C-alpha atoms as a PDB file:
ATOM      1  CA  MET A   1     107.701  77.146  62.794  1.00  0.00           C
ATOM      2  CA  ARG A   2     106.072  80.560  62.823  1.00  0.00           C
ATOM      3  CA  PRO A   3     105.810  81.740  66.390  1.00  0.00           C
ATOM      4  CA  ILE A   4     102.893  83.628  67.873  1.00  0.00           C
ATOM      5  CA  LEU A   5     104.303  86.785  69.406  1.00  0.00           C
ATOM      6  CA  LEU A   6     102.665  87.691  72.710  1.00  0.00           C
ATOM      7  CA  GLN A   7     103.016  91.407  73.452  1.00  0.00           C
ATOM      8  CA  GLY A   8     101.605  92.063  76.868  1.00  0.00           C
ATOM      9  CA  HIS A   9     104.579  93.068  78.956  1.00  0.00           C
ATOM     10  CA  GLU A  10     106.624  96.237  78.984  1.00  0.00           C
ATOM     11  CA  ARG A  11     109.660  94.794  80.738  1.00  0.00           C
ATOM     12  CA  SER A  12     111.661  91.579  80.721  1.00  0.00           C
ATOM     13  CA  LEU A  13     109.965  88.250  81.429  1.00  0.00           C
ATOM     14  CA  THR A  14     110.791  86.380  84.632  1.00  0.00           C
ATOM     15  CA  GLN A  15     108.801  83.138  84.430  1.00  0.00           C
ATOM     16  CA  ILE A  16     106.204  81.480  82.198  1.00  0.00           C
ATOM     17  CA  LYS A  17     104.052  78.470  83.007  1.00  0.00           C
ATOM     18  CA  PHE A  18     101.543  76.298  81.141  1.00  0.00           C
ATOM     19  CA  ASN A  19      98.582  74.884  83.007  1.00  0.00           C
ATOM     20  CA  ARG A  20      98.121  71.093  83.089  1.00  0.00           C
ATOM     21  CA  GLU A  21      95.936  70.917  79.966  1.00  0.00           C
ATOM     22  CA  GLY A  22      98.209  73.282  78.109  1.00  0.00           C
ATOM     23  CA  ASP A  23      95.376  75.537  76.906  1.00  0.00           C
ATOM     24  CA  LEU A  24      96.554  78.472  79.043  1.00  0.00           C
ATOM     25  CA  LEU A  25      99.939  80.144  79.429  1.00  0.00           C
ATOM     26  CA  PHE A  26     100.718  82.315  82.468  1.00  0.00           C
ATOM     27  CA  THR A  27     103.462  84.911  82.102  1.00  0.00           C
ATOM     28  CA  CYS A  28     104.967  87.259  84.681  1.00  0.00           C
ATOM     29  CA  SER A  29     107.541  89.991  84.313  1.00  0.00           C
ATOM     30  CA  LYS A  30     109.301  92.940  85.930  1.00  0.00           C
ATOM     31  CA  ASP A  31     106.418  95.262  84.964  1.00  0.00           C
ATOM     32  CA  GLN A  32     104.373  94.121  87.999  1.00  0.00           C
ATOM     33  CA  ILE A  33     101.643  92.291  86.104  1.00  0.00           C
ATOM     34  CA  ILE A  34     100.791  88.674  85.329  1.00  0.00           C
ATOM     35  CA  ASN A  35      99.065  87.809  82.063  1.00  0.00           C
ATOM     36  CA  VAL A  36      97.213  84.680  80.987  1.00  0.00           C
ATOM     37  CA  TRP A  37      96.912  83.727  77.307  1.00  0.00           C
ATOM     38  CA  TYR A  38      95.106  81.171  75.170  1.00  0.00           C
ATOM     39  CA  THR A  39      97.835  78.998  73.748  1.00  0.00           C
ATOM     40  CA  TYR A  40      96.149  78.002  70.485  1.00  0.00           C
ATOM     41  CA  ASN A  41      95.848  81.554  69.113  1.00  0.00           C
ATOM     42  CA  GLY A  42      97.865  83.771  71.485  1.00  0.00           C
ATOM     43  CA  GLU A  43      94.851  85.829  72.558  1.00  0.00           C
ATOM     44  CA  ARG A  44      95.185  87.479  75.947  1.00  0.00           C
ATOM     45  CA  LEU A  45      92.519  86.135  78.285  1.00  0.00           C
ATOM     46  CA  GLY A  46      93.207  88.418  81.218  1.00  0.00           C
ATOM     47  CA  THR A  47      95.584  90.273  83.499  1.00  0.00           C
ATOM     48  CA  TYR A  48      96.250  89.891  87.216  1.00  0.00           C
ATOM     49  CA  GLU A  49      97.029  93.279  88.721  1.00  0.00           C
ATOM     50  CA  GLY A  50      97.880  94.225  92.277  1.00  0.00           C
ATOM     51  CA  ASN A  51     101.597  93.696  92.750  1.00  0.00           C
ATOM     52  CA  ASN A  52     103.800  96.703  93.523  1.00  0.00           C
ATOM     53  CA  GLY A  53     107.077  95.260  92.315  1.00  0.00           C
ATOM     54  CA  SER A  54     108.605  92.912  89.754  1.00  0.00           C
ATOM     55  CA  VAL A  55     106.782  89.577  89.741  1.00  0.00           C
ATOM     56  CA  TRP A  56     109.546  86.977  89.917  1.00  0.00           C
ATOM     57  CA  THR A  57     107.653  83.717  89.892  1.00  0.00           C
ATOM     58  CA  VAL A  58     104.287  82.133  89.210  1.00  0.00           C
ATOM     59  CA  ASP A  59     102.714  78.673  89.482  1.00  0.00           C
ATOM     60  CA  VAL A  60      99.250  77.297  88.755  1.00  0.00           C
ATOM     61  CA  ASP A  61      97.481  74.253  90.224  1.00  0.00           C
ATOM     62  CA  LYS A  62      96.303  71.223  88.246  1.00  0.00           C
ATOM     63  CA  ASP A  63      92.650  72.340  88.063  1.00  0.00           C
ATOM     64  CA  SER A  64      93.603  75.868  86.938  1.00  0.00           C
ATOM     65  CA  LYS A  65      91.555  77.062  89.903  1.00  0.00           C
ATOM     66  CA  TYR A  66      94.272  78.874  91.852  1.00  0.00           C
ATOM     67  CA  MET A  67      97.478  80.590  90.863  1.00  0.00           C
ATOM     68  CA  VAL A  68     100.216  81.668  93.225  1.00  0.00           C
ATOM     69  CA  SER A  69     102.781  84.407  92.560  1.00  0.00           C
ATOM     70  CA  GLY A  70     105.859  85.821  94.285  1.00  0.00           C
ATOM     71  CA  ALA A  71     107.106  89.372  93.845  1.00  0.00           C
ATOM     72  CA  ALA A  72     109.693  91.974  94.767  1.00  0.00           C
ATOM     73  CA  ASP A  73     107.136  93.820  96.925  1.00  0.00           C
ATOM     74  CA  ASN A  74     107.816  91.082  99.553  1.00  0.00           C
ATOM     75  CA  THR A  75     104.480  89.357  98.997  1.00  0.00           C
ATOM     76  CA  MET A  76     103.157  86.013  97.861  1.00  0.00           C
ATOM     77  CA  ARG A  77      99.634  86.165  96.497  1.00  0.00           C
ATOM     78  CA  LEU A  78      96.936  83.584  95.831  1.00  0.00           C
ATOM     79  CA  TRP A  79      94.748  84.375  92.816  1.00  0.00           C
ATOM     80  CA  GLN A  80      91.542  82.958  91.455  1.00  0.00           C
ATOM     81  CA  VAL A  81      92.428  82.029  87.884  1.00  0.00           C
ATOM     82  CA  GLU A  82      88.908  82.444  86.506  1.00  0.00           C
ATOM     83  CA  THR A  83      88.095  85.904  87.888  1.00  0.00           C
ATOM     84  CA  GLY A  84      91.572  87.433  88.284  1.00  0.00           C
ATOM     85  CA  LYS A  85      90.786  88.229  91.902  1.00  0.00           C
ATOM     86  CA  CYS A  86      93.569  88.283  94.493  1.00  0.00           C
ATOM     87  CA  LEU A  87      92.173  86.073  97.267  1.00  0.00           C
ATOM     88  CA  TYR A  88      94.968  86.267  99.811  1.00  0.00           C
ATOM     89  CA  THR A  89      98.296  88.033 100.340  1.00  0.00           C
ATOM     90  CA  TRP A  90     101.161  86.806 102.511  1.00  0.00           C
ATOM     91  CA  GLU A  91     103.754  89.390 103.524  1.00  0.00           C
ATOM     92  CA  PHE A  92     107.442  88.732 104.218  1.00  0.00           C
ATOM     93  CA  PRO A  93     110.518  90.757 105.179  1.00  0.00           C
ATOM     94  CA  THR A  94     112.178  90.231 101.762  1.00  0.00           C
ATOM     95  CA  ALA A  95     111.292  89.483  98.120  1.00  0.00           C
ATOM     96  CA  VAL A  96     109.791  86.149  97.074  1.00  0.00           C
ATOM     97  CA  LYS A  97     111.987  84.533  94.388  1.00  0.00           C
ATOM     98  CA  ARG A  98     110.276  81.210  93.755  1.00  0.00           C
ATOM     99  CA  VAL A  99     106.891  79.585  94.412  1.00  0.00           C
ATOM    100  CA  ALA A 100     105.673  76.070  93.590  1.00  0.00           C
ATOM    101  CA  PHE A 101     102.602  73.947  94.254  1.00  0.00           C
ATOM    102  CA  SER A 102     102.941  70.453  95.691  1.00  0.00           C
ATOM    103  CA  GLU A 103     101.839  67.467  93.613  1.00  0.00           C
ATOM    104  CA  ASP A 104      98.408  67.344  95.298  1.00  0.00           C
ATOM    105  CA  ASP A 105      98.082  71.170  95.202  1.00  0.00           C
ATOM    106  CA  LYS A 106      97.444  71.297  98.944  1.00  0.00           C
ATOM    107  CA  GLN A 107     100.702  73.058  99.750  1.00  0.00           C
ATOM    108  CA  VAL A 108     102.822  75.863  98.343  1.00  0.00           C
ATOM    109  CA  VAL A 109     106.552  76.298  98.934  1.00  0.00           C
ATOM    110  CA  CYS A 110     108.200  79.702  98.633  1.00  0.00           C
ATOM    111  CA  ILE A 111     111.776  81.004  98.843  1.00  0.00           C
ATOM    112  CA  THR A 112     112.405  84.478 100.210  1.00  0.00           C
ATOM    113  CA  GLU A 113     115.610  86.326  99.468  1.00  0.00           C
ATOM    114  CA  GLN A 114     118.605  86.877 101.694  1.00  0.00           C
ATOM    115  CA  ARG A 115     118.742  90.637 102.163  1.00  0.00           C
ATOM    116  CA  MET A 116     118.941  93.447 104.708  1.00  0.00           C
ATOM    117  CA  GLY A 117     120.029  91.194 107.534  1.00  0.00           C
ATOM    118  CA  HIS A 118     117.370  88.582 106.805  1.00  0.00           C
ATOM    119  CA  GLN A 119     118.470  85.072 105.913  1.00  0.00           C
ATOM    120  CA  CYS A 120     117.194  83.169 102.912  1.00  0.00           C
ATOM    121  CA  ALA A 121     114.101  81.319 104.145  1.00  0.00           C
ATOM    122  CA  ILE A 122     111.944  78.497 102.837  1.00  0.00           C
ATOM    123  CA  ARG A 123     108.306  78.441 103.926  1.00  0.00           C
ATOM    124  CA  VAL A 124     105.609  75.885 103.207  1.00  0.00           C
ATOM    125  CA  PHE A 125     101.955  76.920 103.486  1.00  0.00           C
ATOM    126  CA  ASN A 126      98.902  74.676 103.617  1.00  0.00           C
ATOM    127  CA  ILE A 127      96.344  75.896 101.098  1.00  0.00           C
ATOM    128  CA  ASN A 128      92.654  75.946 101.992  1.00  0.00           C
ATOM    129  CA  ARG A 129      91.198  74.810  98.668  1.00  0.00           C
ATOM    130  CA  GLU A 130      87.535  75.101  99.720  1.00  0.00           C
ATOM    131  CA  GLU A 131      87.632  78.774 100.699  1.00  0.00           C
ATOM    132  CA  GLY A 132      90.406  80.530  98.834  1.00  0.00           C
ATOM    133  CA  ALA A 133      90.119  83.778 100.783  1.00  0.00           C
ATOM    134  CA  LYS A 134      90.582  82.019 104.122  1.00  0.00           C
ATOM    135  CA  GLN A 135      94.242  81.046 104.342  1.00  0.00           C
ATOM    136  CA  SER A 136      96.521  80.618 107.311  1.00  0.00           C
ATOM    137  CA  LYS A 137      98.833  83.599 107.740  1.00  0.00           C
ATOM    138  CA  GLU A 138     101.533  81.483 109.380  1.00  0.00           C
ATOM    139  CA  PRO A 139     103.491  78.869 107.404  1.00  0.00           C
ATOM    140  CA  ALA A 140     103.012  75.196 108.256  1.00  0.00           C
ATOM    141  CA  HIS A 141     106.795  74.778 108.026  1.00  0.00           C
ATOM    142  CA  PHE A 142     109.615  77.304 108.055  1.00  0.00           C
ATOM    143  CA  PHE A 143     113.409  76.926 107.960  1.00  0.00           C
ATOM    144  CA  ASN A 144     116.584  78.662 106.810  1.00  0.00           C
ATOM    145  CA  PRO A 145     118.770  76.563 104.500  1.00  0.00           C
ATOM    146  CA  ILE A 146     122.335  76.466 105.801  1.00  0.00           C
ATOM    147  CA  GLY A 147     125.200  77.825 103.717  1.00  0.00           C
ATOM    148  CA  SER A 148     124.550  79.118 100.228  1.00  0.00           C
ATOM    149  CA  LYS A 149     121.163  80.705  99.623  1.00  0.00           C
ATOM    150  CA  ALA A 150     118.483  78.816  97.704  1.00  0.00           C
ATOM    151  CA  THR A 151     117.377  80.245  94.353  1.00  0.00           C
ATOM    152  CA  VAL A 152     114.919  77.638  93.017  1.00  0.00           C
ATOM    153  CA  CYS A 153     112.854  74.791  94.498  1.00  0.00           C
ATOM    154  CA  ALA A 154     110.167  72.216  93.782  1.00  0.00           C
ATOM    155  CA  PHE A 155     108.285  69.450  95.564  1.00  0.00           C
ATOM    156  CA  THR A 156     109.493  65.931  94.767  1.00  0.00           C
ATOM    157  CA  ASN A 157     107.544  62.661  94.469  1.00  0.00           C
ATOM    158  CA  ILE A 158     108.625  61.805  98.044  1.00  0.00           C
ATOM    159  CA  PRO A 159     106.149  63.140 100.641  1.00  0.00           C
ATOM    160  CA  ASN A 160     107.342  66.224 102.567  1.00  0.00           C
ATOM    161  CA  VAL A 161     110.591  66.439 100.597  1.00  0.00           C
ATOM    162  CA  ILE A 162     111.575  69.399  98.430  1.00  0.00           C
ATOM    163  CA  VAL A 163     114.563  69.779  96.162  1.00  0.00           C
ATOM    164  CA  THR A 164     116.403  73.102  95.973  1.00  0.00           C
ATOM    165  CA  GLY A 165     119.022  74.722  93.754  1.00  0.00           C
ATOM    166  CA  HIS A 166     121.474  77.175  95.314  1.00  0.00           C
ATOM    167  CA  GLU A 167     123.629  80.163  94.458  1.00  0.00           C
ATOM    168  CA  SER A 168     126.798  78.131  94.953  1.00  0.00           C
ATOM    169  CA  GLY A 169     125.639  75.563  92.371  1.00  0.00           C
ATOM    170  CA  LYS A 170     124.636  72.838  94.813  1.00  0.00           C
ATOM    171  CA  VAL A 171     121.354  70.939  94.743  1.00  0.00           C
ATOM    172  CA  ALA A 172     119.876  69.659  97.985  1.00  0.00           C
ATOM    173  CA  GLN A 173     116.916  67.795  99.420  1.00  0.00           C
ATOM    174  CA  PHE A 174     115.144  69.098 102.505  1.00  0.00           C
ATOM    175  CA  ASN A 175     112.558  67.577 104.770  1.00  0.00           C
ATOM    176  CA  VAL A 176     110.067  70.432 105.064  1.00  0.00           C
ATOM    177  CA  LYS A 177     108.705  69.216 108.407  1.00  0.00           C
ATOM    178  CA  THR A 178     112.028  69.232 110.242  1.00  0.00           C
ATOM    179  CA  GLY A 179     113.944  71.642 107.989  1.00  0.00           C
ATOM    180  CA  GLU A 180     116.915  69.300 107.895  1.00  0.00           C
ATOM    181  CA  GLU A 181     119.006  68.775 104.791  1.00  0.00           C
ATOM    182  CA  ILE A 182     118.553  65.132 103.870  1.00  0.00           C
ATOM    183  CA  ASP A 183     121.131  65.033 101.115  1.00  0.00           C
ATOM    184  CA  ASN A 184     123.044  67.350  98.823  1.00  0.00           C
ATOM    185  CA  ASN A 185     125.300  67.430  95.822  1.00  0.00           C
ATOM    186  CA  GLU A 186     127.701  70.345  96.400  1.00  0.00           C
ATOM    187  CA  ARG A 187     129.215  70.075  92.934  1.00  0.00           C
ATOM    188  CA  ALA A 188     126.077  69.793  90.857  1.00  0.00           C
ATOM    189  CA  HIS A 189     127.007  73.086  89.143  1.00  0.00           C
ATOM    190  CA  GLY A 190     129.903  75.518  89.321  1.00  0.00           C
ATOM    191  CA  ASP A 191     127.778  78.679  89.582  1.00  0.00           C
ATOM    192  CA  THR A 192     124.272  79.935  90.463  1.00  0.00           C
ATOM    193  CA  ILE A 193     121.413  77.616  89.505  1.00  0.00           C
ATOM    194  CA  THR A 194     118.914  79.677  87.520  1.00  0.00           C
ATOM    195  CA  ASP A 195     116.087  77.217  86.869  1.00  0.00           C
ATOM    196  CA  LEU A 196     114.812  73.846  88.032  1.00  0.00           C
ATOM    197  CA  GLN A 197     112.014  71.908  86.333  1.00  0.00           C
ATOM    198  CA  MET A 198     110.709  68.491  87.349  1.00  0.00           C
ATOM    199  CA  SER A 199     109.910  65.619  84.987  1.00  0.00           C
ATOM    200  CA  LYS A 200     106.271  64.548  84.698  1.00  0.00           C
ATOM    201  CA  ASP A 201     106.581  61.822  87.356  1.00  0.00           C
ATOM    202  CA  ARG A 202     109.050  63.915  89.412  1.00  0.00           C
ATOM    203  CA  THR A 203     111.655  61.111  89.472  1.00  0.00           C
ATOM    204  CA  TYR A 204     114.267  63.354  87.838  1.00  0.00           C
ATOM    205  CA  PHE A 205     114.688  67.063  87.207  1.00  0.00           C
ATOM    206  CA  ILE A 206     116.649  69.421  84.987  1.00  0.00           C
ATOM    207  CA  THR A 207     118.612  72.468  86.108  1.00  0.00           C
ATOM    208  CA  SER A 208     120.238  75.354  84.247  1.00  0.00           C
ATOM    209  CA  SER A 209     123.091  77.436  85.580  1.00  0.00           C
ATOM    210  CA  LYS A 210     125.272  80.459  84.964  1.00  0.00           C
ATOM    211  CA  ASP A 211     128.184  78.021  84.641  1.00  0.00           C
ATOM    212  CA  LYS A 212     127.030  77.563  80.982  1.00  0.00           C
ATOM    213  CA  SER A 213     125.679  74.071  81.512  1.00  0.00           C
ATOM    214  CA  SER A 214     122.405  72.289  82.128  1.00  0.00           C
ATOM    215  CA  ARG A 215     122.094  68.957  83.904  1.00  0.00           C
ATOM    216  CA  ILE A 216     119.580  66.220  84.567  1.00  0.00           C
ATOM    217  CA  HIS A 217     119.637  64.881  88.136  1.00  0.00           C
ATOM    218  CA  ASP A 218     118.056  61.871  89.794  1.00  0.00           C
ATOM    219  CA  THR A 219     115.556  63.110  92.394  1.00  0.00           C
ATOM    220  CA  LYS A 220     116.332  60.390  94.918  1.00  0.00           C
ATOM    221  CA  SER A 221     120.138  60.328  94.842  1.00  0.00           C
ATOM    222  CA  LEU A 222     120.767  63.831  93.362  1.00  0.00           C
ATOM    223  CA  MET A 223     123.306  62.253  91.051  1.00  0.00           C
ATOM    224  CA  VAL A 224     123.979  63.981  87.735  1.00  0.00           C
ATOM    225  CA  ILE A 225     122.681  61.765  84.932  1.00  0.00           C
ATOM    226  CA  LYS A 226     123.298  63.950  81.885  1.00  0.00           C
ATOM    227  CA  THR A 227     125.163  67.189  81.168  1.00  0.00           C
ATOM    228  CA  TYR A 228     124.614  69.660  78.318  1.00  0.00           C
ATOM    229  CA  THR A 229     127.453  72.173  77.997  1.00  0.00           C
ATOM    230  CA  THR A 230     127.049  75.417  76.044  1.00  0.00           C
ATOM    231  CA  GLU A 231     129.181  78.522  75.616  1.00  0.00           C
ATOM    232  CA  THR A 232     126.785  81.028  77.235  1.00  0.00           C
ATOM    233  CA  PRO A 233     125.254  81.327  80.711  1.00  0.00           C
ATOM    234  CA  LEU A 234     121.870  79.569  80.838  1.00  0.00           C
ATOM    235  CA  ASN A 235     118.731  81.028  82.398  1.00  0.00           C
ATOM    236  CA  SER A 236     116.269  78.226  81.823  1.00  0.00           C
ATOM    237  CA  ALA A 237     115.978  74.557  80.876  1.00  0.00           C
ATOM    238  CA  ALA A 238     112.912  72.469  80.108  1.00  0.00           C
ATOM    239  CA  LEU A 239     112.142  68.827  79.293  1.00  0.00           C
ATOM    240  CA  ALA A 240     110.115  67.964  76.192  1.00  0.00           C
ATOM    241  CA  PRO A 241     107.473  65.329  76.979  1.00  0.00           C
ATOM    242  CA  ASN A 242     107.204  62.277  74.679  1.00  0.00           C
ATOM    243  CA  LYS A 243     110.369  63.235  72.806  1.00  0.00           C
ATOM    244  CA  PRO A 244     114.043  62.715  73.715  1.00  0.00           C
ATOM    245  CA  TYR A 245     114.842  66.457  73.811  1.00  0.00           C
ATOM    246  CA  VAL A 246     115.690  69.136  76.319  1.00  0.00           C
ATOM    247  CA  LEU A 247     115.350  72.853  75.605  1.00  0.00           C
ATOM    248  CA  LEU A 248     117.912  75.350  76.865  1.00  0.00           C
ATOM    249  CA  GLY A 249     117.710  79.139  76.853  1.00  0.00           C
ATOM    250  CA  GLY A 250     120.068  81.900  77.914  1.00  0.00           C
ATOM    251  CA  GLY A 251     122.545  84.284  76.453  1.00  0.00           C
ATOM    252  CA  GLN A 252     124.834  86.726  78.126  1.00  0.00           C
ATOM    253  CA  ASP A 253     123.591  88.817  80.971  1.00  0.00           C
ATOM    254  CA  ALA A 254     121.553  91.896  80.077  1.00  0.00           C
ATOM    255  CA  MET A 255     124.395  94.289  80.942  1.00  0.00           C
ATOM    256  CA  SER A 256     126.704  93.164  78.167  1.00  0.00           C
ATOM    257  CA  VAL A 257     124.004  92.656  75.537  1.00  0.00           C
ATOM    258  CA  THR A 258     124.405  96.035  73.860  1.00  0.00           C
ATOM    259  CA  THR A 259     128.024  95.297  73.048  1.00  0.00           C
ATOM    260  CA  THR A 260     127.406  92.082  71.123  1.00  0.00           C
ATOM    261  CA  SER A 261     125.633  91.252  67.904  1.00  0.00           C
ATOM    262  CA  LEU A 262     122.597  88.981  67.815  1.00  0.00           C
ATOM    263  CA  ARG A 263     124.628  86.176  66.367  1.00  0.00           C
ATOM    264  CA  GLN A 264     127.255  86.274  69.077  1.00  0.00           C
ATOM    265  CA  GLY A 265     124.747  86.790  71.841  1.00  0.00           C
ATOM    266  CA  LYS A 266     123.369  83.263  71.320  1.00  0.00           C
ATOM    267  CA  PHE A 267     119.803  84.326  72.040  1.00  0.00           C
ATOM    268  CA  GLU A 268     118.384  81.092  70.678  1.00  0.00           C
ATOM    269  CA  THR A 269     116.374  78.294  72.166  1.00  0.00           C
ATOM    270  CA  ARG A 270     118.626  75.290  71.820  1.00  0.00           C
ATOM    271  CA  PHE A 271     117.392  71.722  71.467  1.00  0.00           C
ATOM    272  CA  TRP A 272     119.636  68.973  72.790  1.00  0.00           C
ATOM    273  CA  HIS A 273     119.170  65.237  72.610  1.00  0.00           C
ATOM    274  CA  LYS A 274     118.350  64.115  76.124  1.00  0.00           C
ATOM    275  CA  VAL A 275     120.236  60.827  75.918  1.00  0.00           C
ATOM    276  CA  PHE A 276     123.164  61.520  73.587  1.00  0.00           C
ATOM    277  CA  GLU A 277     123.959  64.989  74.973  1.00  0.00           C
ATOM    278  CA  GLU A 278     124.285  66.465  71.485  1.00  0.00           C
ATOM    279  CA  GLU A 279     122.719  69.614  70.098  1.00  0.00           C
ATOM    280  CA  VAL A 280     120.114  68.878  67.428  1.00  0.00           C
ATOM    281  CA  GLY A 281     118.651  72.297  66.605  1.00  0.00           C
ATOM    282  CA  ARG A 282     118.171  75.982  67.412  1.00  0.00           C
ATOM    283  CA  VAL A 283     115.302  78.429  67.169  1.00  0.00           C
ATOM    284  CA  LYS A 284     116.110  82.124  66.828  1.00  0.00           C
ATOM    285  CA  GLY A 285     113.882  85.080  67.512  1.00  0.00           C
ATOM    286  CA  HIS A 286     114.552  86.999  70.696  1.00  0.00           C
ATOM    287  CA  PHE A 287     116.480  90.289  70.764  1.00  0.00           C
ATOM    288  CA  GLY A 288     118.076  89.576  74.099  1.00  0.00           C
ATOM    289  CA  PRO A 289     118.721  86.710  76.500  1.00  0.00           C
ATOM    290  CA  ILE A 290     115.991  84.116  76.978  1.00  0.00           C
ATOM    291  CA  ASN A 291     114.989  84.262  80.640  1.00  0.00           C
ATOM    292  CA  THR A 292     112.435  81.482  80.870  1.00  0.00           C
ATOM    293  CA  LEU A 293     111.222  78.439  78.903  1.00  0.00           C
ATOM    294  CA  ALA A 294     108.171  76.230  79.236  1.00  0.00           C
ATOM    295  CA  VAL A 295     107.138  73.239  77.149  1.00  0.00           C
ATOM    296  CA  HIS A 296     103.497  72.431  76.429  1.00  0.00           C
ATOM    297  CA  PRO A 297     102.481  69.460  78.656  1.00  0.00           C
ATOM    298  CA  GLY A 298     101.263  67.615  75.557  1.00  0.00           C
ATOM    299  CA  GLY A 299     104.617  68.132  73.853  1.00  0.00           C
ATOM    300  CA  ILE A 300     103.049  69.964  70.907  1.00  0.00           C
ATOM    301  CA  GLY A 301     104.934  73.230  71.348  1.00  0.00           C
ATOM    302  CA  TYR A 302     106.855  75.489  73.659  1.00  0.00           C
ATOM    303  CA  ALA A 303     107.062  79.113  74.768  1.00  0.00           C
ATOM    304  CA  SER A 304     110.017  81.333  75.591  1.00  0.00           C
ATOM    305  CA  GLY A 305     110.118  84.617  77.479  1.00  0.00           C
ATOM    306  CA  GLY A 306     112.952  87.051  76.892  1.00  0.00           C
ATOM    307  CA  GLU A 307     114.729  90.075  78.260  1.00  0.00           C
ATOM    308  CA  ASP A 308     113.138  91.945  75.320  1.00  0.00           C
ATOM    309  CA  GLY A 309     109.671  91.753  76.939  1.00  0.00           C
ATOM    310  CA  PHE A 310     108.230  89.346  74.360  1.00  0.00           C
ATOM    311  CA  VAL A 311     106.846  85.862  74.765  1.00  0.00           C
ATOM    312  CA  ARG A 312     107.209  83.709  71.673  1.00  0.00           C
ATOM    313  CA  MET A 313     104.893  80.742  71.468  1.00  0.00           C
ATOM    314  CA  HIS A 314     105.834  78.022  69.019  1.00  0.00           C
ATOM    315  CA  HIS A 315     103.694  75.131  67.819  1.00  0.00           C
ATOM    316  CA  PHE A 316     105.946  72.381  66.521  1.00  0.00           C
ATOM    317  CA  ASP A 317     105.830  71.552  62.828  1.00  0.00           C
ATOM    318  CA  GLU A 318     104.998  68.081  61.602  1.00  0.00           C
ATOM    319  CA  THR A 319     108.693  67.508  60.874  1.00  0.00           C
ATOM    320  CA  TYR A 320     109.500  67.806  64.597  1.00  0.00           C
ATOM    321  CA  PHE A 321     107.380  64.734  65.330  1.00  0.00           C
ATOM    322  CA  ARG A 322     108.693  62.785  62.342  1.00  0.00           C
ATOM    323  CA  ALA A 323     112.368  63.579  62.824  1.00  0.00           C
ATOM    324  CA  LYS A 324     114.455  60.804  64.320  1.00  0.00           C
ATOM    325  CA  PRO A 325     118.019  62.118  64.315  1.00  0.00           C
ATOM    326  CA  TYR A 326     119.331  59.029  66.087  1.00  0.00           C
ATOM    327  CA  GLY A 327     117.218  56.268  64.608  1.00  0.00           C
ATOM    328  CA  ASP A 328     114.165  54.594  66.021  1.00  0.00           C
ATOM    329  CA  TYR A 329     114.200  55.630  69.679  1.00  0.00           C
ATOM    330  CA  ASP A 330     110.800  56.101  71.233  1.00  0.00           C
ATOM    331  CA  ILE A 331     110.549  57.835  74.575  1.00  0.00           C
ATOM    332  CA  GLU A 332     107.660  57.048  76.859  1.00  0.00           C
ATOM    333  CA  ASP A 333     106.846  59.425  79.669  1.00  0.00           C
END
């Protein structure tokens, strides 16, 4: 697998996201810009400029009409994908760490950081899809999660319910209308949850954590279904559609990178069998921890963004589709 190397960022990557068709890849980083790329040849299609701080998070709707981003300049912005225009900016007291569209793309949830006397807050905004520049300044729903601060979130397949991952390692469900915690699993992880990605039908989701493990949870009960344990802190985890694999990425934190060799640093994308919880392969390449992973929605490839400022886009070889390490198991999504 020869990767396409995307060089469009000067600082470490924070999140990458495919659109629904998988023909575009959106990447954001600490250098204040968001790039969009063609996935088949790695050509840069455009850049979204306007943020005054690290861009922590990005999400795109199903039609690739609007993109939403959250940044360290305490703003969440709505962009027109086609023109690169910033249509609307929401301002908050603290940085925006995570944004996500709802399943019908009519709402956006965002997490703002706990800092300078402000509590961690979760806000849900209704999006005016007809006129992008005319958005409501006030959130439709607003609440402060109790206890440990939330780091990641996503809408579930249950109306008005979001699932969150927290600094303490717990996962929880919240009703966005009332702000109440419906259910939680305090012991989902032993340390900060760094990523949360939903399955295609949103009935289960995968999390990665600094406790060196990744887990699949049932959306409804929050029970842990599968656990993948590694020997390095994980920054991201993704589910491969149509194949029984999960992809994990991480490596030690950036501070201790200079003291370890590439081999020890474990800066590889690791493939684990979803059902048997065994590692089946690794892909090397990055010169630092992998911060974010995304799998092509068609299952034909994946992309990884690293601390080194590079995005590596891989198209799977034919052998990936033929390989059956555990016999004739077909996965249907």
